[in-house]
C-alpha cells in the first residue's frame, strides 16, 4: 500500500519543510507523505532534492544518536550494578572489622547496609535484564 491514512499529527504545521536548517529541528521528524517520491520530483527539482538530502542526513544523525544512547545506557546499567556490589562488599568489610573489635552496634549497622546494597544490586540487575531484553527486541 503506497498511501497510509492521514492522522491529525501528520497535519500539524512544521518549519522543517520551510527551513530545514532552523535551530531546534534536531529531533523533528516529517510526516510519512514527505518520503514519497512523486514521479521523480527529487530528480527534476533542486529544492526537493536538497530537501530529501537534508532529511536523510538528519534522520541518519538521529539514528546514530540513539545507537550511542543505547550503548551508553547499557554501560551505565553495568556500572550501577557494579557500584552497588562494591558498596555491599565495603560494608561487609566494615562489618568484619566491627566483629573483630566486638563492636556490636557497628556490626549490626554494617550488616544492614551490606544487605541493602546487595538487594539494590540484585534488583537493578533483574530490572536491567528485563529492560535489555526489550531493547534487543526493538533492534
C-alpha atoms as a PDB file:
ATOM      1  CA  UNK A   1       0.000   0.000   0.000  1.00  0.00           C
ATOM      2  CA  UNK A   2       1.566   3.256  -1.137  1.00  0.00           C
ATOM      3  CA  UNK A   3      -0.531   5.605   0.982  1.00  0.00           C
ATOM      4  CA  UNK A   4      -1.385   5.492   4.645  1.00  0.00           C
ATOM      5  CA  UNK A   5      -4.269   7.028   6.497  1.00  0.00           C
ATOM      6  CA  UNK A   6      -3.663  10.668   7.404  1.00  0.00           C
ATOM      7  CA  UNK A   7      -3.568  11.216  11.133  1.00  0.00           C
ATOM      8  CA  UNK A   8      -4.072  14.505  12.946  1.00  0.00           C
ATOM      9  CA  UNK A   9      -0.366  14.543  13.906  1.00  0.00           C
ATOM     10  CA  UNK A  10       0.561  14.377  10.188  1.00  0.00           C
ATOM     11  CA  UNK A  11      -1.249  17.649   9.528  1.00  0.00           C
ATOM     12  CA  UNK A  12       0.440  19.877  12.087  1.00  0.00           C
ATOM     13  CA  UNK A  13       2.395  22.837  10.785  1.00  0.00           C
ATOM     14  CA  UNK A  14       6.150  22.487  10.956  1.00  0.00           C
ATOM     15  CA  UNK A  15       9.070  24.628   9.872  1.00  0.00           C
ATOM     16  CA  UNK A  16      11.167  21.582   8.959  1.00  0.00           C
ATOM     17  CA  UNK A  17       9.949  21.875   5.382  1.00  0.00           C
ATOM     18  CA  UNK A  18      10.247  25.657   5.058  1.00  0.00           C
ATOM     19  CA  UNK A  19      13.597  25.973   6.834  1.00  0.00           C
ATOM     20  CA  UNK A  20      15.304  22.617   7.416  1.00  0.00           C
ATOM     21  CA  UNK A  21      18.369  24.305   8.949  1.00  0.00           C
ATOM     22  CA  UNK A  22      16.457  26.257  11.608  1.00  0.00           C
ATOM     23  CA  UNK A  23      17.508  25.900  15.231  1.00  0.00           C
ATOM     24  CA  UNK A  24      15.599  23.363  17.306  1.00  0.00           C
ATOM     25  CA  UNK A  25      14.921  20.982  14.403  1.00  0.00           C
ATOM     26  CA  UNK A  26      17.373  18.291  15.522  1.00  0.00           C
ATOM     27  CA  UNK A  27      14.765  15.758  16.659  1.00  0.00           C
ATOM     28  CA  UNK A  28      11.945  16.820  14.352  1.00  0.00           C
ATOM     29  CA  UNK A  29      10.533  14.204  12.034  1.00  0.00           C
ATOM     30  CA  UNK A  30       8.401  14.629   8.967  1.00  0.00           C
ATOM     31  CA  UNK A  31       5.043  13.113   8.145  1.00  0.00           C
ATOM     32  CA  UNK A  32       5.147   9.955   6.023  1.00  0.00           C
ATOM     33  CA  UNK A  33       3.938  11.677   2.846  1.00  0.00           C
ATOM     34  CA  UNK A  34       7.144  13.711   2.577  1.00  0.00           C
ATOM     35  CA  UNK A  35       9.072  10.500   1.887  1.00  0.00           C
ATOM     36  CA  UNK A  36       7.073   9.623  -1.241  1.00  0.00           C
ATOM     37  CA  UNK A  37       8.894  10.387  -4.493  1.00  0.00           C
ATOM     38  CA  UNK A  38       6.121  11.656  -6.762  1.00  0.00           C
ATOM     39  CA  UNK A  39       7.066  10.908 -10.371  1.00  0.00           C
ATOM     40  CA  UNK A  40      10.733  11.736  -9.870  1.00  0.00           C
ATOM     41  CA  UNK A  41      10.219  15.138  -8.240  1.00  0.00           C
ATOM     42  CA  UNK A  42      13.518  14.737  -6.401  1.00  0.00           C
ATOM     43  CA  UNK A  43      15.493  14.452  -9.646  1.00  0.00           C
ATOM     44  CA  UNK A  44      13.788  17.273 -11.523  1.00  0.00           C
ATOM     45  CA  UNK A  45      13.541  19.784  -8.679  1.00  0.00           C
ATOM     46  CA  UNK A  46      16.699  21.055  -6.968  1.00  0.00           C
ATOM     47  CA  UNK A  47      14.755  22.210  -3.903  1.00  0.00           C
ATOM     48  CA  UNK A  48      13.167  18.777  -3.381  1.00  0.00           C
ATOM     49  CA  UNK A  49      16.500  17.060  -3.994  1.00  0.00           C
ATOM     50  CA  UNK A  50      18.138  19.236  -1.323  1.00  0.00           C
ATOM     51  CA  UNK A  51      15.152  18.681   0.964  1.00  0.00           C
ATOM     52  CA  UNK A  52      15.423  14.879   0.706  1.00  0.00           C
ATOM     53  CA  UNK A  53      19.191  15.009   1.185  1.00  0.00           C
ATOM     54  CA  UNK A  54      18.921  17.127   4.343  1.00  0.00           C
ATOM     55  CA  UNK A  55      16.104  14.973   5.703  1.00  0.00           C
ATOM     56  CA  UNK A  56      18.110  11.792   5.060  1.00  0.00           C
ATOM     57  CA  UNK A  57      21.200  13.208   6.810  1.00  0.00           C
ATOM     58  CA  UNK A  58      19.122  14.430   9.749  1.00  0.00           C
ATOM     59  CA  UNK A  59      17.468  11.017  10.105  1.00  0.00           C
ATOM     60  CA  UNK A  60      20.862   9.295   9.936  1.00  0.00           C
ATOM     61  CA  UNK A  61      22.205  11.581  12.684  1.00  0.00           C
ATOM     62  CA  UNK A  62      19.127  10.898  14.827  1.00  0.00           C
ATOM     63  CA  UNK A  63      19.588   7.140  14.414  1.00  0.00           C
ATOM     64  CA  UNK A  64      23.291   7.427  15.282  1.00  0.00           C
ATOM     65  CA  UNK A  65      22.481   9.414  18.436  1.00  0.00           C
ATOM     66  CA  UNK A  66      20.002   6.730  19.526  1.00  0.00           C
ATOM     67  CA  UNK A  67      22.539   3.959  18.884  1.00  0.00           C
ATOM     68  CA  UNK A  68      25.073   5.833  21.009  1.00  0.00           C
ATOM     69  CA  UNK A  69      22.490   6.415  23.735  1.00  0.00           C
ATOM     70  CA  UNK A  70      21.583   2.719  23.760  1.00  0.00           C
ATOM     71  CA  UNK A  71      25.256   1.812  24.148  1.00  0.00           C
ATOM     72  CA  UNK A  72      25.764   4.335  26.968  1.00  0.00           C
ATOM     73  CA  UNK A  73      22.651   3.278  28.863  1.00  0.00           C
ATOM     74  CA  UNK A  74      23.762  -0.359  28.666  1.00  0.00           C
ATOM     75  CA  UNK A  75      27.138   0.574  30.128  1.00  0.00           C
ATOM     76  CA  UNK A  76      25.506   2.703  32.833  1.00  0.00           C
ATOM     77  CA  UNK A  77      23.375  -0.287  33.817  1.00  0.00           C
ATOM     78  CA  UNK A  78      26.501  -2.415  34.226  1.00  0.00           C
ATOM     79  CA  UNK A  79      28.250   0.334  36.217  1.00  0.00           C
ATOM     80  CA  UNK A  80      25.253   0.738  38.526  1.00  0.00           C
ATOM     81  CA  UNK A  81      25.159  -2.960  39.419  1.00  0.00           C
ATOM     82  CA  UNK A  82      28.946  -2.965  39.934  1.00  0.00           C
ATOM     83  CA  UNK A  83      28.726   0.127  42.174  1.00  0.00           C
ATOM     84  CA  UNK A  84      26.066  -1.457  44.394  1.00  0.00           C
ATOM     85  CA  UNK A  85      28.131  -4.658  44.662  1.00  0.00           C
ATOM     86  CA  UNK A  86      31.223  -2.617  45.555  1.00  0.00           C
ATOM     87  CA  UNK A  87      29.324  -0.760  48.294  1.00  0.00           C
ATOM     88  CA  UNK A  88      27.960  -4.059  49.636  1.00  0.00           C
ATOM     89  CA  UNK A  89      31.466  -5.522  49.817  1.00  0.00           C
ATOM     90  CA  UNK A  90      32.737  -2.359  51.531  1.00  0.00           C
ATOM     91  CA  UNK A  91      30.081  -2.717  54.222  1.00  0.00           C
ATOM     92  CA  UNK A  92      30.845  -6.442  54.627  1.00  0.00           C
ATOM     93  CA  UNK A  93      34.478  -5.488  55.255  1.00  0.00           C
ATOM     94  CA  UNK A  94      33.402  -2.899  57.839  1.00  0.00           C
ATOM     95  CA  UNK A  95      31.113  -5.485  59.431  1.00  0.00           C
ATOM     96  CA  UNK A  96      34.045  -7.905  59.759  1.00  0.00           C
ATOM     97  CA  UNK A  97      36.216  -5.176  61.303  1.00  0.00           C
ATOM     98  CA  UNK A  98      33.479  -4.305  63.812  1.00  0.00           C
ATOM     99  CA  UNK A  99      33.025  -8.009  64.573  1.00  0.00           C
ATOM    100  CA  UNK A 100      36.756  -8.405  65.244  1.00  0.00           C
ATOM    101  CA  UNK A 101      36.656  -5.396  67.587  1.00  0.00           C
ATOM    102  CA  UNK A 102      33.444  -6.728  69.163  1.00  0.00           C
ATOM    103  CA  UNK A 103      31.507  -3.516  68.463  1.00  0.00           C
ATOM    104  CA  UNK A 104      28.007  -4.957  68.185  1.00  0.00           C
ATOM    105  CA  UNK A 105      26.166  -1.774  67.161  1.00  0.00           C
ATOM    106  CA  UNK A 106      28.606  -1.021  64.340  1.00  0.00           C
ATOM    107  CA  UNK A 107      28.483  -4.644  63.210  1.00  0.00           C
ATOM    108  CA  UNK A 108      24.664  -4.625  63.024  1.00  0.00           C
ATOM    109  CA  UNK A 109      24.599  -1.325  61.120  1.00  0.00           C
ATOM    110  CA  UNK A 110      27.266  -2.521  58.659  1.00  0.00           C
ATOM    111  CA  UNK A 111      25.409  -5.815  58.122  1.00  0.00           C
ATOM    112  CA  UNK A 112      22.202  -3.927  57.383  1.00  0.00           C
ATOM    113  CA  UNK A 113      23.976  -1.600  54.916  1.00  0.00           C
ATOM    114  CA  UNK A 114      25.695  -4.551  53.197  1.00  0.00           C
ATOM    115  CA  UNK A 115      22.343  -6.305  52.819  1.00  0.00           C
ATOM    116  CA  UNK A 116      20.686  -3.137  51.491  1.00  0.00           C
ATOM    117  CA  UNK A 117      23.329  -2.647  48.780  1.00  0.00           C
ATOM    118  CA  UNK A 118      23.226  -6.340  47.886  1.00  0.00           C
ATOM    119  CA  UNK A 119      19.443  -6.121  47.400  1.00  0.00           C
ATOM    120  CA  UNK A 120      19.854  -2.943  45.353  1.00  0.00           C
ATOM    121  CA  UNK A 121      22.370  -4.678  43.071  1.00  0.00           C
ATOM    122  CA  UNK A 122      20.081  -7.699  42.641  1.00  0.00           C
ATOM    123  CA  UNK A 123      17.038  -5.527  41.969  1.00  0.00           C
ATOM    124  CA  UNK A 124      18.969  -3.374  39.488  1.00  0.00           C
ATOM    125  CA  UNK A 125      20.343  -6.419  37.697  1.00  0.00           C
ATOM    126  CA  UNK A 126      16.896  -8.029  37.421  1.00  0.00           C
ATOM    127  CA  UNK A 127      15.308  -4.788  36.207  1.00  0.00           C
ATOM    128  CA  UNK A 128      18.090  -4.099  33.727  1.00  0.00           C
ATOM    129  CA  UNK A 129      17.965  -7.657  32.351  1.00  0.00           C
ATOM    130  CA  UNK A 130      14.254  -7.198  31.577  1.00  0.00           C
ATOM    131  CA  UNK A 131      14.953  -3.801  30.003  1.00  0.00           C
ATOM    132  CA  UNK A 132      17.860  -5.112  27.925  1.00  0.00           C
ATOM    133  CA  UNK A 133      15.568  -7.838  26.581  1.00  0.00           C
ATOM    134  CA  UNK A 134      13.070  -5.223  25.411  1.00  0.00           C
ATOM    135  CA  UNK A 135      15.818  -3.112  23.812  1.00  0.00           C
ATOM    136  CA  UNK A 136      17.235  -6.137  21.959  1.00  0.00           C
ATOM    137  CA  UNK A 137      13.795  -6.972  20.546  1.00  0.00           C
ATOM    138  CA  UNK A 138      13.459  -3.367  19.311  1.00  0.00           C
ATOM    139  CA  UNK A 139      16.751  -3.563  17.406  1.00  0.00           C
END
